[in-house]
Protein backbone atom coordinates (compact mmCIF):
# COMPACT_ATOMS: atom_id res chain seq x y z
CA MET A 1 -82.38 66.65 32.72
CA PRO A 2 -79.39 65.46 30.87
CA ASP A 3 -79.80 64.85 27.20
CA HIS A 4 -78.01 61.41 27.52
CA PRO A 5 -79.54 59.56 30.60
CA HIS A 6 -77.20 56.70 29.91
CA GLY A 7 -73.97 58.83 29.87
CA PRO A 8 -72.10 60.76 27.29
CA PRO A 9 -72.44 60.00 23.63
CA GLY A 10 -70.38 56.99 22.57
CA ASP A 11 -70.41 55.66 26.12
CA THR A 12 -72.52 52.39 26.39
CA PRO A 13 -72.80 50.78 29.76
CA GLU A 14 -72.33 46.96 29.62
CA GLY A 15 -76.03 46.32 30.43
CA ASP A 16 -76.96 48.26 27.55
CA GLU A 17 -74.80 46.39 25.11
CA ASP A 18 -77.12 43.52 25.11
CA ASP A 19 -80.11 45.73 24.42
CA ALA A 20 -78.19 47.30 21.49
CA ALA A 21 -77.43 43.97 20.09
CA ARG A 22 -81.28 43.10 20.26
CA ARG A 23 -82.26 46.36 18.65
CA SER A 24 -79.61 45.73 15.86
CA THR A 25 -81.24 42.39 15.16
CA VAL A 26 -84.58 44.18 14.62
CA THR A 27 -83.50 47.20 12.84
CA GLY A 28 -80.62 45.70 10.92
CA ARG A 29 -78.33 48.31 12.23
CA ARG A 30 -74.86 47.30 13.73
CA PRO A 31 -74.51 48.34 17.26
CA ARG A 32 -72.06 50.94 18.27
CA CYS A 33 -68.54 49.57 19.38
CA PRO A 34 -67.63 50.84 22.76
CA THR A 35 -64.63 53.23 22.68
CA ARG A 36 -63.71 52.59 26.30
CA SER A 37 -61.62 49.38 27.35
CA ARG A 38 -63.63 46.58 28.75
CA PRO A 39 -62.93 45.45 32.21
CA LEU A 40 -60.23 42.87 32.55
CA VAL A 41 -62.87 40.29 33.85
CA ALA A 42 -64.72 40.42 30.52
CA ALA A 43 -61.40 39.96 28.78
CA ARG A 44 -60.73 36.92 30.77
CA ALA A 45 -64.28 35.58 30.21
CA LEU A 46 -63.76 36.08 26.38
CA ALA A 47 -60.40 34.11 26.46
CA LEU A 48 -61.99 31.32 28.49
CA ALA A 49 -64.83 31.21 26.05
CA LEU A 50 -62.44 30.86 23.12
CA ALA A 51 -60.48 28.20 24.85
CA LEU A 52 -63.70 26.13 25.54
CA VAL A 53 -64.77 26.39 21.97
CA ALA A 54 -61.22 25.21 20.77
CA GLY A 55 -61.50 22.44 23.32
CA CYS A 56 -64.83 21.32 21.94
CA THR A 57 -63.53 21.19 18.36
CA THR A 58 -60.46 19.17 19.28
CA SER A 59 -61.87 16.91 22.16
CA HIS A 60 -61.99 13.93 19.81
CA GLU A 61 -58.49 14.28 18.52
CA THR A 62 -55.28 12.63 20.04
CA PRO A 63 -52.15 14.63 19.58
CA GLU A 64 -49.24 12.61 18.05
CA ALA A 65 -46.55 11.81 20.53
CA SER A 66 -43.13 13.05 19.82
CA PRO A 67 -40.31 10.50 18.76
CA LEU A 68 -38.56 11.27 22.11
CA ALA A 69 -41.59 10.38 24.10
CA ARG A 70 -41.92 7.03 22.27
CA ALA A 71 -38.14 6.22 22.86
CA PRO A 72 -37.32 4.08 25.81
CA THR A 73 -36.00 5.68 28.95
CA ALA A 74 -32.53 4.64 30.04
CA THR A 75 -32.36 3.37 33.63
CA THR A 76 -29.48 3.81 35.99
CA ARG A 77 -28.80 0.82 38.36
CA PRO A 78 -26.53 0.82 41.31
CA GLY A 79 -22.97 0.75 40.40
CA THR A 80 -23.28 2.18 36.98
CA PRO A 81 -21.25 5.20 36.04
CA SER A 82 -22.46 8.88 35.67
CA PRO A 83 -23.84 9.90 32.28
CA ALA A 84 -20.54 11.66 31.75
CA ALA A 85 -18.70 8.26 31.68
CA SER A 86 -17.27 7.42 28.29
CA ASP A 87 -18.51 4.53 26.09
CA LEU A 88 -15.84 2.57 24.21
CA PRO A 89 -16.94 1.10 20.92
CA LEU A 90 -16.26 -2.49 19.84
CA ALA A 91 -14.53 -2.92 16.50
CA GLN A 92 -16.80 -4.23 13.91
CA GLN A 93 -14.04 -6.48 12.62
CA PHE A 94 -10.17 -6.87 12.87
CA ASP A 95 -7.47 -8.84 11.43
CA MET A 96 -5.59 -10.99 14.07
CA GLY A 97 -2.17 -9.60 14.38
CA LEU A 98 -0.84 -9.76 17.88
CA PRO A 99 2.57 -8.16 18.18
CA GLY A 100 5.07 -10.51 19.70
CA ALA A 101 6.79 -9.42 22.72
CA ASP A 102 10.51 -10.15 23.11
CA PRO A 103 11.23 -12.81 25.66
CA VAL A 104 12.36 -11.65 29.15
CA ARG A 105 16.06 -10.94 29.13
CA CYS A 106 17.11 -10.82 32.64
CA GLY A 107 20.65 -9.50 31.97
CA ASP A 108 19.37 -6.45 29.89
CA GLU A 109 16.81 -5.67 32.55
CA LEU A 110 19.40 -5.71 35.35
CA THR A 111 21.30 -3.08 33.56
CA LEU A 112 18.15 -0.99 33.43
CA LEU A 113 17.38 -1.58 37.02
CA ASN A 114 20.95 -0.56 37.98
CA ARG A 115 21.06 2.43 35.64
CA GLY A 116 23.96 1.10 33.77
CA ARG A 117 26.09 0.47 36.88
CA PRO A 118 27.43 -3.02 37.70
CA ALA A 119 25.29 -5.05 39.92
CA ALA A 120 26.62 -4.98 43.49
CA ARG A 121 23.84 -6.88 45.31
CA PRO A 122 21.22 -9.61 44.82
CA MET A 123 18.11 -8.76 43.02
CA ALA A 124 14.73 -10.17 42.29
CA TRP A 125 11.90 -8.94 39.94
CA VAL A 126 9.00 -10.05 37.58
CA SER A 127 8.91 -8.76 34.13
CA SER A 128 6.64 -8.95 31.10
CA GLY A 129 9.37 -8.75 28.48
CA ARG A 130 9.82 -6.05 25.98
CA ASP A 131 7.53 -4.77 23.23
CA GLU A 132 6.39 -1.55 21.58
CA ARG A 133 3.98 -0.68 24.25
CA GLN A 134 6.82 -0.65 26.93
CA SER A 135 9.11 2.19 27.63
CA GLY A 136 12.66 1.31 26.56
CA ASP A 137 14.23 2.66 29.84
CA ALA A 138 12.09 0.86 32.32
CA VAL A 139 11.34 -2.50 33.56
CA THR A 140 7.76 -3.17 34.20
CA PHE A 141 5.18 -5.94 34.31
CA ALA A 142 1.53 -6.07 33.11
CA LEU A 143 -1.69 -7.79 33.95
CA GLY A 144 -2.46 -10.47 31.32
CA ASP A 145 1.06 -10.49 29.82
CA ARG A 146 3.54 -13.31 29.46
CA SER A 147 5.82 -12.92 32.45
CA ALA A 148 8.80 -14.50 34.23
CA LEU A 149 10.72 -14.30 37.52
CA CYS A 150 14.36 -13.12 37.30
CA LEU A 151 16.77 -13.73 40.14
CA TYR A 152 20.36 -12.46 40.39
CA GLY A 153 23.14 -13.05 42.81
CA PHE A 154 21.79 -16.38 44.29
CA THR A 155 23.84 -19.52 44.58
CA ARG A 156 22.57 -22.19 42.35
CA GLY A 157 21.30 -25.29 44.10
CA LYS A 158 20.30 -23.57 47.30
CA PRO A 159 16.52 -23.34 48.06
CA ILE A 160 15.06 -19.89 47.58
CA THR A 161 11.95 -18.50 48.93
CA VAL A 162 9.99 -15.60 47.28
CA THR A 163 7.44 -13.61 49.11
CA VAL A 164 5.06 -11.28 47.44
CA ALA A 165 3.16 -8.35 49.13
CA ALA A 166 -0.31 -7.57 47.90
CA GLY A 167 -2.32 -5.31 50.04
CA ASP A 168 -2.37 -6.58 53.69
CA ARG A 169 -1.55 -10.05 52.62
CA THR A 170 1.67 -11.94 51.78
CA TYR A 171 2.30 -14.89 49.47
CA THR A 172 5.09 -17.22 49.75
CA THR A 173 6.55 -19.48 47.00
CA PRO A 174 9.26 -22.09 47.20
CA VAL A 175 11.69 -21.72 44.27
CA THR A 176 13.67 -24.64 42.90
CA SER A 177 16.82 -24.42 40.79
CA VAL A 178 16.78 -27.10 38.08
CA ALA A 179 19.09 -27.84 35.12
CA SER A 180 16.10 -27.72 32.65
CA LEU A 181 12.58 -26.36 33.09
CA SER A 182 9.90 -28.99 32.93
CA SER A 183 7.28 -28.73 30.16
CA GLY A 184 4.30 -28.68 32.41
CA ASN A 185 1.62 -26.12 32.08
CA SER A 186 2.12 -22.89 34.13
CA SER A 187 -0.57 -21.29 36.20
CA LYS A 188 -1.83 -17.91 35.87
CA GLU A 189 -1.60 -17.56 39.73
CA GLU A 190 2.21 -18.34 39.93
CA LEU A 191 3.79 -16.64 42.99
CA PHE A 192 0.19 -16.51 44.61
CA ASN A 193 -0.78 -20.16 44.76
CA GLY A 194 1.95 -21.48 47.10
CA ARG A 195 3.23 -24.09 44.67
CA ALA A 196 6.88 -24.54 44.01
CA LEU A 197 8.34 -22.63 41.05
CA GLU A 198 11.20 -23.79 38.84
CA VAL A 199 14.19 -21.60 37.75
CA GLU A 200 17.02 -22.52 35.45
CA ASP A 201 20.63 -21.24 35.42
CA LEU A 202 21.22 -18.71 32.54
CA GLY A 203 24.87 -18.16 33.54
CA GLY A 204 26.42 -15.02 34.78
CA GLY A 205 24.65 -15.37 38.28
CA PHE A 206 21.17 -15.23 36.72
CA LEU A 207 18.12 -17.58 37.46
CA ARG A 208 14.98 -17.39 35.40
CA SER A 209 11.58 -19.11 35.75
CA GLY A 210 9.37 -20.43 32.76
CA HIS A 211 6.84 -18.01 31.43
CA TRP A 212 3.20 -17.59 32.60
CA THR A 213 0.35 -15.28 32.11
CA PHE A 214 0.31 -12.89 34.99
CA LEU A 215 -3.11 -12.74 36.52
CA PRO A 216 -3.19 -13.23 40.36
CA PRO A 217 -6.29 -14.66 42.08
CA ASP A 218 -8.60 -12.51 44.25
CA PRO A 219 -7.91 -10.57 46.38
CA ALA A 220 -4.32 -10.14 45.42
CA ARG A 221 -5.34 -9.38 41.89
CA ALA A 222 -7.32 -6.25 43.12
CA ALA A 223 -4.56 -5.15 45.51
CA VAL A 224 -1.94 -5.21 42.79
CA ALA A 225 -4.11 -3.22 40.46
CA ALA A 226 -4.87 -0.74 43.14
CA ALA A 227 -1.16 -0.37 44.11
CA GLY A 228 0.09 -0.15 40.54
CA ARG A 229 3.29 -2.03 41.89
CA LEU A 230 4.57 -5.44 42.76
CA THR A 231 6.76 -5.78 45.66
CA LEU A 232 8.64 -9.09 46.30
CA THR A 233 11.40 -10.32 48.44
CA ALA A 234 13.64 -13.34 47.65
CA SER A 235 15.83 -14.86 50.23
CA ALA A 236 18.15 -17.75 50.42
CA GLY A 237 20.17 -18.40 53.69
CA GLY A 238 21.90 -15.13 54.30
CA THR A 239 21.31 -13.83 50.68
CA ARG A 240 18.23 -11.50 50.54
CA ALA A 241 16.88 -9.25 47.82
CA THR A 242 13.77 -6.81 47.95
CA GLY A 243 12.36 -4.78 45.13
CA GLY A 244 9.47 -3.36 43.48
CA ILE A 245 8.29 -3.07 39.93
CA ALA A 246 5.67 -0.89 38.43
CA LEU A 247 2.55 -2.07 36.82
CA ARG A 248 2.05 -1.03 33.18
CA ARG A 249 -1.49 -0.27 32.42
CA THR A 250 -1.87 -2.23 29.30
CA ARG A 251 -5.58 -2.43 28.04
CA GLY A 252 -6.66 -6.03 27.63
CA ALA A 253 -8.71 -8.91 28.93
CA GLU A 254 -7.81 -12.36 30.15
CA THR A 255 -9.71 -15.41 31.26
CA VAL A 256 -9.35 -16.05 34.99
CA GLU A 257 -7.83 -19.21 36.26
CA GLY A 258 -10.60 -21.95 36.36
CA TRP A 259 -12.15 -20.48 33.22
CA LYS A 260 -14.01 -23.79 32.46
CA ARG A 261 -15.57 -23.84 35.89
CA GLY A 262 -16.20 -20.13 36.51
CA HIS A 263 -16.41 -18.68 33.08
CA ARG A 264 -14.93 -15.40 34.48
CA LEU A 265 -13.15 -12.83 32.40
CA ALA A 266 -10.86 -10.01 33.81
CA VAL A 267 -10.78 -6.68 31.96
CA PHE A 268 -8.13 -4.27 32.86
CA GLY A 269 -6.05 -1.15 31.84
CA PHE A 270 -9.00 1.09 30.55
CA PRO A 271 -9.53 4.47 32.00
CA ALA A 272 -11.44 4.62 35.25
CA GLY A 273 -15.24 5.30 34.79
CA SER A 274 -15.37 4.04 31.14
CA ARG A 275 -17.85 1.55 30.03
CA VAL A 276 -16.04 -1.27 28.37
CA PRO A 277 -18.15 -3.71 26.21
CA ILE A 278 -17.15 -7.38 25.50
CA GLY A 279 -18.09 -8.68 22.10
CA ILE A 280 -18.45 -12.13 20.67
CA TYR A 281 -16.70 -12.43 17.28
CA ARG A 282 -16.93 -14.84 14.49
CA LEU A 283 -13.32 -15.94 13.55
CA THR A 284 -12.61 -17.07 10.05
CA ARG A 285 -9.03 -18.43 9.44
CA THR A 286 -7.21 -18.89 6.01
CA GLU A 287 -3.62 -19.77 5.18
CA ALA A 288 -2.66 -16.15 5.19
CA SER A 289 -4.69 -14.50 8.02
CA ALA A 290 -7.36 -14.81 10.36
CA ARG A 291 -10.28 -12.22 10.51
CA ALA A 292 -12.75 -11.65 13.43
CA VAL A 293 -16.23 -10.17 12.64
CA LEU A 294 -18.39 -8.74 15.49
CA VAL A 295 -21.57 -10.86 16.14
CA ARG A 296 -22.96 -8.92 19.03
CA LYS A 297 -22.16 -7.41 22.31
CA VAL A 298 -22.51 -9.98 25.24
CA GLY A 299 -21.59 -7.86 28.26
CA GLN A 300 -20.22 -4.71 29.73
CA VAL A 301 -17.99 -3.67 32.61
CA VAL A 302 -17.44 -0.32 34.15
CA MET A 303 -13.80 0.50 35.16
CA PRO A 304 -13.38 1.16 38.73
CA ARG A 305 -10.52 3.30 40.12
CA THR A 306 -8.39 0.23 40.25
CA ARG A 307 -8.82 -0.16 36.46
CA LEU A 308 -9.68 -3.85 36.82
CA ALA A 309 -13.01 -5.51 36.59
CA VAL A 310 -14.18 -9.16 36.42
CA LEU A 311 -17.43 -10.47 34.91
CA THR A 312 -19.00 -13.86 34.49
CA ILE A 313 -19.72 -14.94 30.87
CA PRO A 314 -23.32 -16.39 30.27
CA GLN A 315 -23.34 -20.14 29.83
CA ASP A 316 -24.59 -20.12 26.29
CA VAL A 317 -21.73 -17.69 25.31
CA PHE A 318 -19.10 -19.78 27.07
CA ARG A 319 -20.34 -22.91 25.32
CA LEU A 320 -20.01 -21.13 21.83
CA VAL A 321 -16.44 -19.85 22.52
CA ALA A 322 -15.09 -22.80 24.43
CA GLY A 323 -16.46 -25.66 22.13
CA ALA A 324 -14.27 -26.94 19.37
CA PRO A 325 -15.61 -25.87 15.88
CA PRO A 326 -16.49 -28.45 13.36
CA GLU A 327 -14.08 -28.90 10.48
CA GLU A 328 -14.08 -26.35 7.87
CA GLU A 329 -16.28 -24.03 10.07
CA ALA A 330 -15.62 -20.74 11.75
CA SER A 331 -14.91 -20.62 15.46
CA TYR A 332 -15.95 -17.83 18.00
CA CYS A 333 -14.05 -15.90 20.50
CA LEU A 334 -14.33 -12.93 22.89
CA SER A 335 -12.56 -9.62 22.50
CA VAL A 336 -12.65 -5.95 23.94
CA PRO A 337 -11.96 -2.61 22.35
CA GLY A 338 -8.62 -1.82 20.96
CA ILE A 339 -6.66 -4.96 21.16
CA ASP A 340 -7.37 -6.58 17.95
CA ARG A 341 -6.99 -10.14 19.07
CA CYS A 342 -9.17 -12.80 20.74
CA VAL A 343 -8.85 -13.13 24.53
CA THR A 344 -10.54 -16.68 24.54
């Protein structure tokens, strides 16, 4: 018979370990530790037991949520940009200092259009004048800028018709030559509303209209912005001139015609995909300056590929910026990033 019925010395079967433990309780001696690795099942059982013990000790504790978990989750609604779109910040305050643009000088611009050569044909164009934002060797126009119609080579006194192409539509305007322009208020939709436009004789073969803020109505506005160009034709009897002027992508905003009824604001010129906020500012005037201080953001537009967007201002905001301020109190206005002036 073998000397060790339960295996070689130091080899304790699993069933005998419990017996050894009981014997150690009686005799006070520690049981021998097995020298052979326990089966994997036993190891897993031990791990499970430890996990259950840990669970019992912490079952009444609630782990603290991380700050990120408590933060609100941003939602993306249809029409909003991708997360890679840029956010433009509003200025916290600015001093009103709108740079003045030179008036439209039709003669100087004709020289640019003809590259310095003498004009040999009639011409017609719309210009936004000259300022530091505009290249010195090109004639352009811009949304929201003070513009005028220039005509060259047309006989004074004869009726002229100007036709503007915008997308798949055309807009016709009768032009009347007058000795002196009337003082009536011009429309932002000149050349697109069908109403007659006055021009006066500047001498040297030039006719020029009064100035207006260039902002066509829908759908012409979107078509001009998408094309980046304005094409027009002027004709009087056998005299005809056709030309196109490039759109200058000046950043800005301007109230849409019928502002008091529709409360709509056009924002334009910013990079496509950018989120452009609209802020309401408290305007304080002194004899020397006027300072605008941001009150809060009231809206936001996302620039489409045309780089032109229109939003409706809430009624309460409209009342605040459109109302006449009491004497000796500050007024309010709306503005967008980077232009340092009020647009209402």
